[in-house]
């Protein structure tokens, strides 16, 4: 049975709490601000799987040494329009933000910029970074892989990451870019965590158990099962390419190889639209394209035709105005975590 969420919490409250928790485990204030802002931004976009529910696991990463909280990303090498960044095992969000900013700067200079990041921890919601590229008048593309959780098409073993893929283009409204952002698994593993926190059932076709049999039981996944790739063999093929290119180009490795080091290796590419055509004409055409698709007649059973990026923009407006809903389990975990760290949580009542 699904449990009803408690009253929403304003974004600024979660931002302050996130910063305090991260600082309490040794994160410098400026880095804590970046990580907390990224988590809250994911909540605002409606992607709670990449939001503040991650804080307990982040703290555990810091305590066990998986993350070096004070580490800062840096440029390792640069060749023309390409750059390699080293995350130095620090928080992933500062490294990913530097990667996006570097890709934008390279594209402004060369027309295109490609940046790879290695020794990088969990970077959060991938769409955040390609959206930043659209605000610079650029097309953005990002690939990312992590630890194995997905079985190949026709297989049962965990060999692939959830391998998200994000792609964005600017429109006339900077707050409503076209944004494609999805895991190449049938569901992101974080969505299973949300389902567990809220008491939701999971749909058929998302996971297999340890014997490779289709399952709708969450415990089967956590007992040696695996996620399935989305879209059958086509989604699997896309996952393979994301897995290999994000891992191999970073100088690390795909997550199923023994040399994989647990990194959230990432590849980001920015393309300056003005090198192809005037940006004003591009965004005007984007606006007319957007309006034409939106004005089309919905099929039976649908209220409206929705464009990629629109659900996030709508969630952001609603949650900035009405607050971010947190399931009671997440709220309890945050209260307990803050108490362990000697922090006050009156606003999480």
C-alpha atoms as a PDB file:
ATOM      1  CA  UNK A   1       0.000   0.000   0.000  1.00  0.00           C
ATOM      2  CA  UNK A   2       1.270   3.468  -0.902  1.00  0.00           C
ATOM      3  CA  UNK A   3       1.809   5.777   2.082  1.00  0.00           C
ATOM      4  CA  UNK A   4       0.690   9.373   1.807  1.00  0.00           C
ATOM      5  CA  UNK A   5       3.504  11.950   1.876  1.00  0.00           C
ATOM      6  CA  UNK A   6       3.613  14.458   4.717  1.00  0.00           C
ATOM      7  CA  UNK A   7       3.421  18.225   4.245  1.00  0.00           C
ATOM      8  CA  UNK A   8       5.855  19.647   1.660  1.00  0.00           C
ATOM      9  CA  UNK A   9       9.093  21.365   2.679  1.00  0.00           C
ATOM     10  CA  UNK A  10      10.380  24.532   1.051  1.00  0.00           C
ATOM     11  CA  UNK A  11      13.494  24.167  -1.079  1.00  0.00           C
ATOM     12  CA  UNK A  12      15.568  26.603   0.977  1.00  0.00           C
ATOM     13  CA  UNK A  13      15.046  24.498   4.111  1.00  0.00           C
ATOM     14  CA  UNK A  14      16.327  21.378   2.373  1.00  0.00           C
ATOM     15  CA  UNK A  15      19.226  23.350   0.910  1.00  0.00           C
ATOM     16  CA  UNK A  16      20.323  24.542   4.379  1.00  0.00           C
ATOM     17  CA  UNK A  17      19.930  21.061   5.835  1.00  0.00           C
ATOM     18  CA  UNK A  18      21.910  19.475   3.004  1.00  0.00           C
ATOM     19  CA  UNK A  19      24.745  21.974   3.390  1.00  0.00           C
ATOM     20  CA  UNK A  20      24.886  21.429   7.152  1.00  0.00           C
ATOM     21  CA  UNK A  21      24.980  17.635   6.820  1.00  0.00           C
ATOM     22  CA  UNK A  22      27.692  17.716   4.177  1.00  0.00           C
ATOM     23  CA  UNK A  23      29.794  20.228   6.113  1.00  0.00           C
ATOM     24  CA  UNK A  24      29.475  18.035   9.217  1.00  0.00           C
ATOM     25  CA  UNK A  25      31.343  15.225   7.409  1.00  0.00           C
ATOM     26  CA  UNK A  26      34.183  17.468   6.286  1.00  0.00           C
ATOM     27  CA  UNK A  27      32.930  19.139   3.107  1.00  0.00           C
ATOM     28  CA  UNK A  28      34.093  22.751   2.565  1.00  0.00           C
ATOM     29  CA  UNK A  29      31.115  25.170   2.532  1.00  0.00           C
ATOM     30  CA  UNK A  30      31.386  26.046  -1.174  1.00  0.00           C
ATOM     31  CA  UNK A  31      31.421  22.387  -2.214  1.00  0.00           C
ATOM     32  CA  UNK A  32      28.603  21.556   0.218  1.00  0.00           C
ATOM     33  CA  UNK A  33      26.548  24.327  -1.402  1.00  0.00           C
ATOM     34  CA  UNK A  34      27.050  22.838  -4.884  1.00  0.00           C
ATOM     35  CA  UNK A  35      26.163  19.280  -3.828  1.00  0.00           C
ATOM     36  CA  UNK A  36      23.120  20.296  -1.785  1.00  0.00           C
ATOM     37  CA  UNK A  37      21.866  22.592  -4.554  1.00  0.00           C
ATOM     38  CA  UNK A  38      22.133  19.746  -7.059  1.00  0.00           C
ATOM     39  CA  UNK A  39      20.161  17.379  -4.838  1.00  0.00           C
ATOM     40  CA  UNK A  40      17.437  19.935  -4.163  1.00  0.00           C
ATOM     41  CA  UNK A  41      17.286  20.852  -7.850  1.00  0.00           C
ATOM     42  CA  UNK A  42      16.563  17.198  -8.615  1.00  0.00           C
ATOM     43  CA  UNK A  43      13.718  17.252  -6.104  1.00  0.00           C
ATOM     44  CA  UNK A  44      12.373  20.449  -7.649  1.00  0.00           C
ATOM     45  CA  UNK A  45      12.453  18.818 -11.102  1.00  0.00           C
ATOM     46  CA  UNK A  46      10.382  15.928  -9.756  1.00  0.00           C
ATOM     47  CA  UNK A  47      13.251  13.430  -9.749  1.00  0.00           C
ATOM     48  CA  UNK A  48      13.231  12.551  -6.055  1.00  0.00           C
ATOM     49  CA  UNK A  49      15.405   9.500  -6.757  1.00  0.00           C
ATOM     50  CA  UNK A  50      18.327  11.911  -7.218  1.00  0.00           C
ATOM     51  CA  UNK A  51      17.310  14.321  -4.467  1.00  0.00           C
ATOM     52  CA  UNK A  52      17.918  14.678  -0.731  1.00  0.00           C
ATOM     53  CA  UNK A  53      17.035  11.037  -0.103  1.00  0.00           C
ATOM     54  CA  UNK A  54      20.637  10.438  -1.224  1.00  0.00           C
ATOM     55  CA  UNK A  55      22.112  12.262   1.786  1.00  0.00           C
ATOM     56  CA  UNK A  56      22.277   9.232   4.130  1.00  0.00           C
ATOM     57  CA  UNK A  57      24.201   7.218   1.539  1.00  0.00           C
ATOM     58  CA  UNK A  58      26.411  10.226   0.782  1.00  0.00           C
ATOM     59  CA  UNK A  59      27.331  10.514   4.452  1.00  0.00           C
ATOM     60  CA  UNK A  60      28.110   6.798   4.521  1.00  0.00           C
ATOM     61  CA  UNK A  61      30.364   7.265   1.481  1.00  0.00           C
ATOM     62  CA  UNK A  62      32.269   9.961   3.364  1.00  0.00           C
ATOM     63  CA  UNK A  63      32.531   7.903   6.542  1.00  0.00           C
ATOM     64  CA  UNK A  64      33.878   4.850   4.731  1.00  0.00           C
ATOM     65  CA  UNK A  65      36.346   6.803   2.608  1.00  0.00           C
ATOM     66  CA  UNK A  66      34.579   6.120  -0.682  1.00  0.00           C
ATOM     67  CA  UNK A  67      34.297   9.917  -1.031  1.00  0.00           C
ATOM     68  CA  UNK A  68      36.998  12.404  -0.051  1.00  0.00           C
ATOM     69  CA  UNK A  69      34.746  15.301   1.036  1.00  0.00           C
ATOM     70  CA  UNK A  70      37.334  18.077   0.728  1.00  0.00           C
ATOM     71  CA  UNK A  71      38.710  16.970  -2.658  1.00  0.00           C
ATOM     72  CA  UNK A  72      38.332  19.383  -5.575  1.00  0.00           C
ATOM     73  CA  UNK A  73      38.194  18.480  -9.262  1.00  0.00           C
ATOM     74  CA  UNK A  74      40.959  19.714 -11.527  1.00  0.00           C
ATOM     75  CA  UNK A  75      42.012  19.726 -15.170  1.00  0.00           C
ATOM     76  CA  UNK A  76      44.288  16.781 -15.876  1.00  0.00           C
ATOM     77  CA  UNK A  77      44.936  17.444 -19.553  1.00  0.00           C
ATOM     78  CA  UNK A  78      43.685  19.527 -22.455  1.00  0.00           C
ATOM     79  CA  UNK A  79      44.074  18.966 -26.200  1.00  0.00           C
ATOM     80  CA  UNK A  80      42.301  21.396 -28.502  1.00  0.00           C
ATOM     81  CA  UNK A  81      38.557  21.105 -27.933  1.00  0.00           C
ATOM     82  CA  UNK A  82      38.883  18.222 -25.455  1.00  0.00           C
ATOM     83  CA  UNK A  83      39.693  18.146 -21.761  1.00  0.00           C
ATOM     84  CA  UNK A  84      40.147  15.420 -19.149  1.00  0.00           C
ATOM     85  CA  UNK A  85      39.157  16.187 -15.569  1.00  0.00           C
ATOM     86  CA  UNK A  86      40.189  14.341 -12.421  1.00  0.00           C
ATOM     87  CA  UNK A  87      37.540  14.261  -9.694  1.00  0.00           C
ATOM     88  CA  UNK A  88      40.126  13.165  -7.080  1.00  0.00           C
ATOM     89  CA  UNK A  89      37.463  10.954  -5.467  1.00  0.00           C
ATOM     90  CA  UNK A  90      35.541  13.970  -4.246  1.00  0.00           C
ATOM     91  CA  UNK A  91      31.830  14.685  -4.538  1.00  0.00           C
ATOM     92  CA  UNK A  92      30.614  14.132  -8.076  1.00  0.00           C
ATOM     93  CA  UNK A  93      28.529  17.288  -8.476  1.00  0.00           C
ATOM     94  CA  UNK A  94      31.439  19.787  -8.322  1.00  0.00           C
ATOM     95  CA  UNK A  95      33.320  17.678 -10.872  1.00  0.00           C
ATOM     96  CA  UNK A  96      30.306  17.454 -13.170  1.00  0.00           C
ATOM     97  CA  UNK A  97      29.642  21.189 -12.873  1.00  0.00           C
ATOM     98  CA  UNK A  98      33.263  21.917 -13.784  1.00  0.00           C
ATOM     99  CA  UNK A  99      32.922  19.528 -16.727  1.00  0.00           C
ATOM    100  CA  UNK A 100      29.834  21.342 -18.013  1.00  0.00           C
ATOM    101  CA  UNK A 101      31.447  24.756 -17.558  1.00  0.00           C
ATOM    102  CA  UNK A 102      34.615  23.566 -19.296  1.00  0.00           C
ATOM    103  CA  UNK A 103      32.653  22.073 -22.204  1.00  0.00           C
ATOM    104  CA  UNK A 104      30.809  25.393 -22.621  1.00  0.00           C
ATOM    105  CA  UNK A 105      34.070  27.354 -22.614  1.00  0.00           C
ATOM    106  CA  UNK A 106      35.655  24.989 -25.130  1.00  0.00           C
ATOM    107  CA  UNK A 107      32.622  25.203 -27.404  1.00  0.00           C
ATOM    108  CA  UNK A 108      32.698  28.995 -27.239  1.00  0.00           C
ATOM    109  CA  UNK A 109      36.309  28.816 -28.436  1.00  0.00           C
ATOM    110  CA  UNK A 110      36.147  25.922 -30.914  1.00  0.00           C
ATOM    111  CA  UNK A 111      32.464  25.490 -31.729  1.00  0.00           C
ATOM    112  CA  UNK A 112      32.412  22.203 -29.850  1.00  0.00           C
ATOM    113  CA  UNK A 113      33.827  21.027 -26.528  1.00  0.00           C
ATOM    114  CA  UNK A 114      34.146  17.527 -25.101  1.00  0.00           C
ATOM    115  CA  UNK A 115      35.084  16.806 -21.485  1.00  0.00           C
ATOM    116  CA  UNK A 116      35.629  13.466 -19.770  1.00  0.00           C
ATOM    117  CA  UNK A 117      35.726  13.011 -16.008  1.00  0.00           C
ATOM    118  CA  UNK A 118      37.238  10.133 -14.062  1.00  0.00           C
ATOM    119  CA  UNK A 119      37.688   9.350 -10.354  1.00  0.00           C
ATOM    120  CA  UNK A 120      34.294  10.967  -9.958  1.00  0.00           C
ATOM    121  CA  UNK A 121      31.569   9.956  -7.495  1.00  0.00           C
ATOM    122  CA  UNK A 122      27.803  10.119  -8.028  1.00  0.00           C
ATOM    123  CA  UNK A 123      27.057  13.297 -10.008  1.00  0.00           C
ATOM    124  CA  UNK A 124      23.305  13.449  -9.420  1.00  0.00           C
ATOM    125  CA  UNK A 125      20.722  14.158 -12.108  1.00  0.00           C
ATOM    126  CA  UNK A 126      22.439  14.192 -15.509  1.00  0.00           C
ATOM    127  CA  UNK A 127      19.908  16.572 -17.078  1.00  0.00           C
ATOM    128  CA  UNK A 128      21.099  19.364 -14.784  1.00  0.00           C
ATOM    129  CA  UNK A 129      24.321  19.719 -16.741  1.00  0.00           C
ATOM    130  CA  UNK A 130      22.939  19.697 -20.267  1.00  0.00           C
ATOM    131  CA  UNK A 131      20.318  22.236 -19.173  1.00  0.00           C
ATOM    132  CA  UNK A 132      23.203  24.501 -18.132  1.00  0.00           C
ATOM    133  CA  UNK A 133      24.600  24.196 -21.653  1.00  0.00           C
ATOM    134  CA  UNK A 134      21.299  25.337 -23.189  1.00  0.00           C
ATOM    135  CA  UNK A 135      21.398  28.505 -21.077  1.00  0.00           C
ATOM    136  CA  UNK A 136      24.696  29.281 -22.821  1.00  0.00           C
ATOM    137  CA  UNK A 137      23.006  28.922 -26.225  1.00  0.00           C
ATOM    138  CA  UNK A 138      24.396  25.460 -26.816  1.00  0.00           C
ATOM    139  CA  UNK A 139      23.258  21.931 -27.472  1.00  0.00           C
ATOM    140  CA  UNK A 140      24.326  19.645 -24.653  1.00  0.00           C
ATOM    141  CA  UNK A 141      25.018  15.922 -24.579  1.00  0.00           C
ATOM    142  CA  UNK A 142      26.080  13.820 -21.601  1.00  0.00           C
ATOM    143  CA  UNK A 143      26.777  10.118 -20.973  1.00  0.00           C
ATOM    144  CA  UNK A 144      27.427   8.586 -17.577  1.00  0.00           C
ATOM    145  CA  UNK A 145      27.951   5.124 -16.135  1.00  0.00           C
ATOM    146  CA  UNK A 146      28.232   3.646 -12.676  1.00  0.00           C
ATOM    147  CA  UNK A 147      28.383   0.341 -10.870  1.00  0.00           C
ATOM    148  CA  UNK A 148      26.805  -2.751 -12.447  1.00  0.00           C
ATOM    149  CA  UNK A 149      23.094  -3.141 -11.741  1.00  0.00           C
ATOM    150  CA  UNK A 150      21.602  -4.039 -15.139  1.00  0.00           C
ATOM    151  CA  UNK A 151      21.505  -7.371 -16.924  1.00  0.00           C
ATOM    152  CA  UNK A 152      22.188  -7.404 -20.669  1.00  0.00           C
ATOM    153  CA  UNK A 153      19.282  -8.185 -22.978  1.00  0.00           C
ATOM    154  CA  UNK A 154      18.788 -11.931 -22.780  1.00  0.00           C
ATOM    155  CA  UNK A 155      21.011 -12.246 -19.686  1.00  0.00           C
ATOM    156  CA  UNK A 156      20.665 -12.362 -15.920  1.00  0.00           C
ATOM    157  CA  UNK A 157      24.003 -11.089 -14.527  1.00  0.00           C
ATOM    158  CA  UNK A 158      24.605  -7.527 -13.406  1.00  0.00           C
ATOM    159  CA  UNK A 159      27.076  -6.260 -16.017  1.00  0.00           C
ATOM    160  CA  UNK A 160      25.958  -2.727 -16.947  1.00  0.00           C
ATOM    161  CA  UNK A 161      25.273   0.475 -15.073  1.00  0.00           C
ATOM    162  CA  UNK A 162      21.935   2.261 -15.312  1.00  0.00           C
ATOM    163  CA  UNK A 163      23.867   4.402 -17.809  1.00  0.00           C
ATOM    164  CA  UNK A 164      21.849   7.611 -18.109  1.00  0.00           C
ATOM    165  CA  UNK A 165      21.878   9.595 -21.329  1.00  0.00           C
ATOM    166  CA  UNK A 166      20.976  13.296 -21.503  1.00  0.00           C
ATOM    167  CA  UNK A 167      20.556  15.569 -24.515  1.00  0.00           C
ATOM    168  CA  UNK A 168      19.229  19.119 -24.540  1.00  0.00           C
ATOM    169  CA  UNK A 169      18.606  22.056 -26.878  1.00  0.00           C
ATOM    170  CA  UNK A 170      17.623  25.645 -26.079  1.00  0.00           C
ATOM    171  CA  UNK A 171      14.241  27.152 -26.898  1.00  0.00           C
ATOM    172  CA  UNK A 172      12.959  30.714 -26.720  1.00  0.00           C
ATOM    173  CA  UNK A 173      12.237  30.192 -23.003  1.00  0.00           C
ATOM    174  CA  UNK A 174      15.456  29.518 -21.032  1.00  0.00           C
ATOM    175  CA  UNK A 175      13.365  27.808 -18.344  1.00  0.00           C
ATOM    176  CA  UNK A 176      11.824  25.336 -20.799  1.00  0.00           C
ATOM    177  CA  UNK A 177      14.566  23.789 -22.947  1.00  0.00           C
ATOM    178  CA  UNK A 178      14.021  20.535 -24.778  1.00  0.00           C
ATOM    179  CA  UNK A 179      15.624  17.986 -22.459  1.00  0.00           C
ATOM    180  CA  UNK A 180      15.935  14.242 -22.933  1.00  0.00           C
ATOM    181  CA  UNK A 181      17.255  12.618 -19.747  1.00  0.00           C
ATOM    182  CA  UNK A 182      16.736   8.971 -18.934  1.00  0.00           C
ATOM    183  CA  UNK A 183      18.435   5.872 -17.657  1.00  0.00           C
ATOM    184  CA  UNK A 184      18.984   3.191 -20.268  1.00  0.00           C
ATOM    185  CA  UNK A 185      17.715   0.674 -17.734  1.00  0.00           C
ATOM    186  CA  UNK A 186      13.948   0.130 -17.634  1.00  0.00           C
ATOM    187  CA  UNK A 187      13.957   2.120 -14.396  1.00  0.00           C
ATOM    188  CA  UNK A 188      16.659   3.995 -12.509  1.00  0.00           C
ATOM    189  CA  UNK A 189      17.807   2.174  -9.371  1.00  0.00           C
ATOM    190  CA  UNK A 190      17.001   5.332  -7.403  1.00  0.00           C
ATOM    191  CA  UNK A 191      13.371   4.991  -8.481  1.00  0.00           C
ATOM    192  CA  UNK A 192      13.318   1.622  -6.717  1.00  0.00           C
ATOM    193  CA  UNK A 193      14.572   3.370  -3.579  1.00  0.00           C
ATOM    194  CA  UNK A 194      11.696   5.859  -3.922  1.00  0.00           C
ATOM    195  CA  UNK A 195       9.237   2.980  -4.331  1.00  0.00           C
ATOM    196  CA  UNK A 196      10.616   1.333  -1.210  1.00  0.00           C
ATOM    197  CA  UNK A 197      10.371   4.603   0.747  1.00  0.00           C
ATOM    198  CA  UNK A 198       6.786   5.298  -0.334  1.00  0.00           C
ATOM    199  CA  UNK A 199       5.458   1.753  -0.274  1.00  0.00           C
ATOM    200  CA  UNK A 200       4.763   1.700  -4.010  1.00  0.00           C
ATOM    201  CA  UNK A 201       4.536  -1.495  -5.989  1.00  0.00           C
ATOM    202  CA  UNK A 202       6.754  -1.781  -9.048  1.00  0.00           C
ATOM    203  CA  UNK A 203       5.481  -2.490 -12.520  1.00  0.00           C
ATOM    204  CA  UNK A 204       6.181  -5.653 -14.512  1.00  0.00           C
ATOM    205  CA  UNK A 205       9.138  -5.607 -16.873  1.00  0.00           C
ATOM    206  CA  UNK A 206      11.550  -3.607 -14.710  1.00  0.00           C
ATOM    207  CA  UNK A 207      13.591  -6.223 -12.840  1.00  0.00           C
ATOM    208  CA  UNK A 208      14.581  -9.875 -12.845  1.00  0.00           C
ATOM    209  CA  UNK A 209      15.415 -12.034  -9.855  1.00  0.00           C
ATOM    210  CA  UNK A 210      18.761 -13.771  -9.302  1.00  0.00           C
ATOM    211  CA  UNK A 211      17.742 -16.558 -11.701  1.00  0.00           C
ATOM    212  CA  UNK A 212      16.861 -14.105 -14.451  1.00  0.00           C
ATOM    213  CA  UNK A 213      13.099 -14.530 -14.046  1.00  0.00           C
ATOM    214  CA  UNK A 214      10.840 -11.465 -14.422  1.00  0.00           C
ATOM    215  CA  UNK A 215       9.728 -10.138 -11.046  1.00  0.00           C
ATOM    216  CA  UNK A 216       7.664  -7.358  -9.485  1.00  0.00           C
ATOM    217  CA  UNK A 217       9.040  -7.942  -5.974  1.00  0.00           C
ATOM    218  CA  UNK A 218      11.513  -5.286  -4.791  1.00  0.00           C
ATOM    219  CA  UNK A 219      13.365  -7.710  -2.473  1.00  0.00           C
ATOM    220  CA  UNK A 220      14.248  -9.833  -5.509  1.00  0.00           C
ATOM    221  CA  UNK A 221      16.351  -7.009  -6.924  1.00  0.00           C
ATOM    222  CA  UNK A 222      18.219  -6.433  -3.669  1.00  0.00           C
ATOM    223  CA  UNK A 223      18.771 -10.187  -3.254  1.00  0.00           C
ATOM    224  CA  UNK A 224      20.942 -10.580  -6.329  1.00  0.00           C
ATOM    225  CA  UNK A 225      18.507  -9.679  -9.076  1.00  0.00           C
ATOM    226  CA  UNK A 226      19.090  -7.060 -11.757  1.00  0.00           C
ATOM    227  CA  UNK A 227      17.414  -4.232 -13.603  1.00  0.00           C
ATOM    228  CA  UNK A 228      16.385  -4.823 -17.199  1.00  0.00           C
ATOM    229  CA  UNK A 229      17.366  -2.527 -20.083  1.00  0.00           C
ATOM    230  CA  UNK A 230      14.534  -0.413 -21.463  1.00  0.00           C
ATOM    231  CA  UNK A 231      13.171  -1.106 -24.940  1.00  0.00           C
ATOM    232  CA  UNK A 232      14.490  -4.623 -25.304  1.00  0.00           C
ATOM    233  CA  UNK A 233      17.500  -5.017 -27.574  1.00  0.00           C
ATOM    234  CA  UNK A 234      17.443  -1.362 -28.677  1.00  0.00           C
ATOM    235  CA  UNK A 235      17.721   0.058 -25.163  1.00  0.00           C
ATOM    236  CA  UNK A 236      20.330  -2.557 -24.366  1.00  0.00           C
ATOM    237  CA  UNK A 237      22.407  -1.477 -27.377  1.00  0.00           C
ATOM    238  CA  UNK A 238      22.252   2.152 -26.269  1.00  0.00           C
ATOM    239  CA  UNK A 239      23.256   1.127 -22.736  1.00  0.00           C
ATOM    240  CA  UNK A 240      26.284  -0.741 -24.089  1.00  0.00           C
ATOM    241  CA  UNK A 241      27.498   2.340 -25.966  1.00  0.00           C
ATOM    242  CA  UNK A 242      27.020   4.634 -22.955  1.00  0.00           C
ATOM    243  CA  UNK A 243      28.730   2.116 -20.678  1.00  0.00           C
ATOM    244  CA  UNK A 244      31.748   1.674 -22.885  1.00  0.00           C
ATOM    245  CA  UNK A 245      32.295   5.260 -24.048  1.00  0.00           C
ATOM    246  CA  UNK A 246      31.727   6.941 -20.670  1.00  0.00           C
ATOM    247  CA  UNK A 247      34.046   4.433 -19.009  1.00  0.00           C
ATOM    248  CA  UNK A 248      36.731   3.872 -21.634  1.00  0.00           C
ATOM    249  CA  UNK A 249      37.163   7.506 -22.754  1.00  0.00           C
ATOM    250  CA  UNK A 250      37.634   8.560 -19.133  1.00  0.00           C
ATOM    251  CA  UNK A 251      40.661   6.308 -18.890  1.00  0.00           C
ATOM    252  CA  UNK A 252      38.856   4.141 -16.364  1.00  0.00           C
ATOM    253  CA  UNK A 253      36.858   1.108 -17.517  1.00  0.00           C
ATOM    254  CA  UNK A 254      33.374  -0.283 -18.075  1.00  0.00           C
ATOM    255  CA  UNK A 255      31.891  -1.323 -14.765  1.00  0.00           C
ATOM    256  CA  UNK A 256      31.930  -5.075 -15.448  1.00  0.00           C
ATOM    257  CA  UNK A 257      35.712  -5.208 -15.903  1.00  0.00           C
ATOM    258  CA  UNK A 258      37.991  -5.972 -12.939  1.00  0.00           C
ATOM    259  CA  UNK A 259      39.849  -2.651 -13.271  1.00  0.00           C
ATOM    260  CA  UNK A 260      36.662  -0.618 -12.735  1.00  0.00           C
ATOM    261  CA  UNK A 261      37.200   1.554  -9.672  1.00  0.00           C
ATOM    262  CA  UNK A 262      33.630   2.490  -8.711  1.00  0.00           C
ATOM    263  CA  UNK A 263      33.745   5.872 -10.431  1.00  0.00           C
ATOM    264  CA  UNK A 264      30.725   7.654 -11.966  1.00  0.00           C
ATOM    265  CA  UNK A 265      32.688   8.296 -15.169  1.00  0.00           C
ATOM    266  CA  UNK A 266      31.103  10.957 -17.369  1.00  0.00           C
ATOM    267  CA  UNK A 267      31.445  12.380 -20.869  1.00  0.00           C
ATOM    268  CA  UNK A 268      29.970  15.790 -21.664  1.00  0.00           C
ATOM    269  CA  UNK A 269      29.802  17.513 -25.039  1.00  0.00           C
ATOM    270  CA  UNK A 270      28.671  21.075 -25.749  1.00  0.00           C
ATOM    271  CA  UNK A 271      28.026  22.387 -29.258  1.00  0.00           C
ATOM    272  CA  UNK A 272      27.757  26.124 -29.966  1.00  0.00           C
ATOM    273  CA  UNK A 273      24.652  26.563 -32.119  1.00  0.00           C
ATOM    274  CA  UNK A 274      25.867  29.947 -33.381  1.00  0.00           C
ATOM    275  CA  UNK A 275      28.656  28.209 -35.313  1.00  0.00           C
ATOM    276  CA  UNK A 276      25.986  26.572 -37.470  1.00  0.00           C
ATOM    277  CA  UNK A 277      23.368  29.322 -37.711  1.00  0.00           C
ATOM    278  CA  UNK A 278      22.293  32.473 -35.844  1.00  0.00           C
ATOM    279  CA  UNK A 279      21.033  31.504 -32.397  1.00  0.00           C
ATOM    280  CA  UNK A 280      18.016  33.831 -32.674  1.00  0.00           C
ATOM    281  CA  UNK A 281      16.725  31.970 -35.710  1.00  0.00           C
ATOM    282  CA  UNK A 282      17.306  28.613 -34.026  1.00  0.00           C
ATOM    283  CA  UNK A 283      15.344  29.479 -30.881  1.00  0.00           C
ATOM    284  CA  UNK A 284      12.563  31.075 -32.932  1.00  0.00           C
ATOM    285  CA  UNK A 285      12.200  27.852 -34.886  1.00  0.00           C
ATOM    286  CA  UNK A 286      12.357  25.895 -31.623  1.00  0.00           C
ATOM    287  CA  UNK A 287       9.512  28.023 -30.239  1.00  0.00           C
ATOM    288  CA  UNK A 288       7.343  27.411 -33.295  1.00  0.00           C
ATOM    289  CA  UNK A 289       8.161  23.709 -33.279  1.00  0.00           C
ATOM    290  CA  UNK A 290       7.320  23.533 -29.571  1.00  0.00           C
ATOM    291  CA  UNK A 291       4.004  25.338 -30.087  1.00  0.00           C
ATOM    292  CA  UNK A 292       3.039  23.176 -33.063  1.00  0.00           C
ATOM    293  CA  UNK A 293       3.620  19.933 -31.192  1.00  0.00           C
ATOM    294  CA  UNK A 294       1.808  21.231 -28.107  1.00  0.00           C
ATOM    295  CA  UNK A 295      -1.191  22.283 -30.199  1.00  0.00           C
ATOM    296  CA  UNK A 296      -1.610  18.831 -31.726  1.00  0.00           C
ATOM    297  CA  UNK A 297      -4.582  16.698 -30.715  1.00  0.00           C
ATOM    298  CA  UNK A 298      -3.936  14.192 -27.903  1.00  0.00           C
ATOM    299  CA  UNK A 299      -4.821  10.555 -28.467  1.00  0.00           C
ATOM    300  CA  UNK A 300      -7.576   8.848 -26.538  1.00  0.00           C
ATOM    301  CA  UNK A 301      -6.575   8.452 -22.908  1.00  0.00           C
ATOM    302  CA  UNK A 302      -4.205  11.430 -22.915  1.00  0.00           C
ATOM    303  CA  UNK A 303      -4.917  14.972 -21.737  1.00  0.00           C
ATOM    304  CA  UNK A 304      -2.197  16.652 -23.788  1.00  0.00           C
ATOM    305  CA  UNK A 305       0.908  16.034 -25.871  1.00  0.00           C
ATOM    306  CA  UNK A 306       4.010  16.539 -23.706  1.00  0.00           C
ATOM    307  CA  UNK A 307       7.499  17.485 -24.907  1.00  0.00           C
ATOM    308  CA  UNK A 308      10.737  16.271 -23.279  1.00  0.00           C
ATOM    309  CA  UNK A 309      11.711  18.588 -20.437  1.00  0.00           C
ATOM    310  CA  UNK A 310       8.149  19.807 -19.901  1.00  0.00           C
ATOM    311  CA  UNK A 311       7.360  17.592 -16.869  1.00  0.00           C
ATOM    312  CA  UNK A 312      10.490  18.852 -15.104  1.00  0.00           C
ATOM    313  CA  UNK A 313       9.631  22.496 -15.827  1.00  0.00           C
ATOM    314  CA  UNK A 314       6.102  21.988 -14.523  1.00  0.00           C
ATOM    315  CA  UNK A 315       7.288  20.184 -11.387  1.00  0.00           C
ATOM    316  CA  UNK A 316       9.819  22.955 -10.750  1.00  0.00           C
ATOM    317  CA  UNK A 317       7.130  25.645 -10.855  1.00  0.00           C
ATOM    318  CA  UNK A 318       4.796  23.707  -8.605  1.00  0.00           C
ATOM    319  CA  UNK A 319       7.411  22.744  -6.045  1.00  0.00           C
ATOM    320  CA  UNK A 320       8.960  26.197  -5.847  1.00  0.00           C
ATOM    321  CA  UNK A 321       5.507  27.513  -5.011  1.00  0.00           C
ATOM    322  CA  UNK A 322       4.131  24.705  -2.867  1.00  0.00           C
ATOM    323  CA  UNK A 323       7.199  22.977  -1.465  1.00  0.00           C
ATOM    324  CA  UNK A 324       8.840  19.603  -2.002  1.00  0.00           C
ATOM    325  CA  UNK A 325       6.927  16.526  -0.806  1.00  0.00           C
ATOM    326  CA  UNK A 326       9.073  14.048   1.110  1.00  0.00           C
ATOM    327  CA  UNK A 327       7.860  10.591   2.121  1.00  0.00           C
ATOM    328  CA  UNK A 328       7.852  10.047   5.868  1.00  0.00           C
ATOM    329  CA  UNK A 329      10.604   7.435   5.601  1.00  0.00           C
ATOM    330  CA  UNK A 330      12.937   9.919   3.908  1.00  0.00           C
ATOM    331  CA  UNK A 331      12.027  12.617   6.419  1.00  0.00           C
ATOM    332  CA  UNK A 332      12.706  10.235   9.299  1.00  0.00           C
ATOM    333  CA  UNK A 333      16.053   9.183   7.834  1.00  0.00           C
ATOM    334  CA  UNK A 334      17.099  12.821   7.470  1.00  0.00           C
ATOM    335  CA  UNK A 335      16.050  13.642  11.025  1.00  0.00           C
ATOM    336  CA  UNK A 336      17.993  10.685  12.376  1.00  0.00           C
ATOM    337  CA  UNK A 337      21.030  11.538  10.275  1.00  0.00           C
ATOM    338  CA  UNK A 338      20.994  15.159  11.428  1.00  0.00           C
ATOM    339  CA  UNK A 339      20.661  14.057  15.054  1.00  0.00           C
ATOM    340  CA  UNK A 340      23.693  11.773  14.684  1.00  0.00           C
ATOM    341  CA  UNK A 341      25.651  14.764  13.411  1.00  0.00           C
ATOM    342  CA  UNK A 342      24.426  17.090  16.183  1.00  0.00           C
ATOM    343  CA  UNK A 343      22.289  19.212  13.875  1.00  0.00           C
ATOM    344  CA  UNK A 344      18.835  20.695  14.503  1.00  0.00           C
ATOM    345  CA  UNK A 345      15.888  19.670  12.317  1.00  0.00           C
ATOM    346  CA  UNK A 346      12.905  21.645  13.579  1.00  0.00           C
ATOM    347  CA  UNK A 347      11.797  22.334  10.001  1.00  0.00           C
ATOM    348  CA  UNK A 348      11.423  18.602   9.287  1.00  0.00           C
ATOM    349  CA  UNK A 349       8.542  18.097  11.716  1.00  0.00           C
END
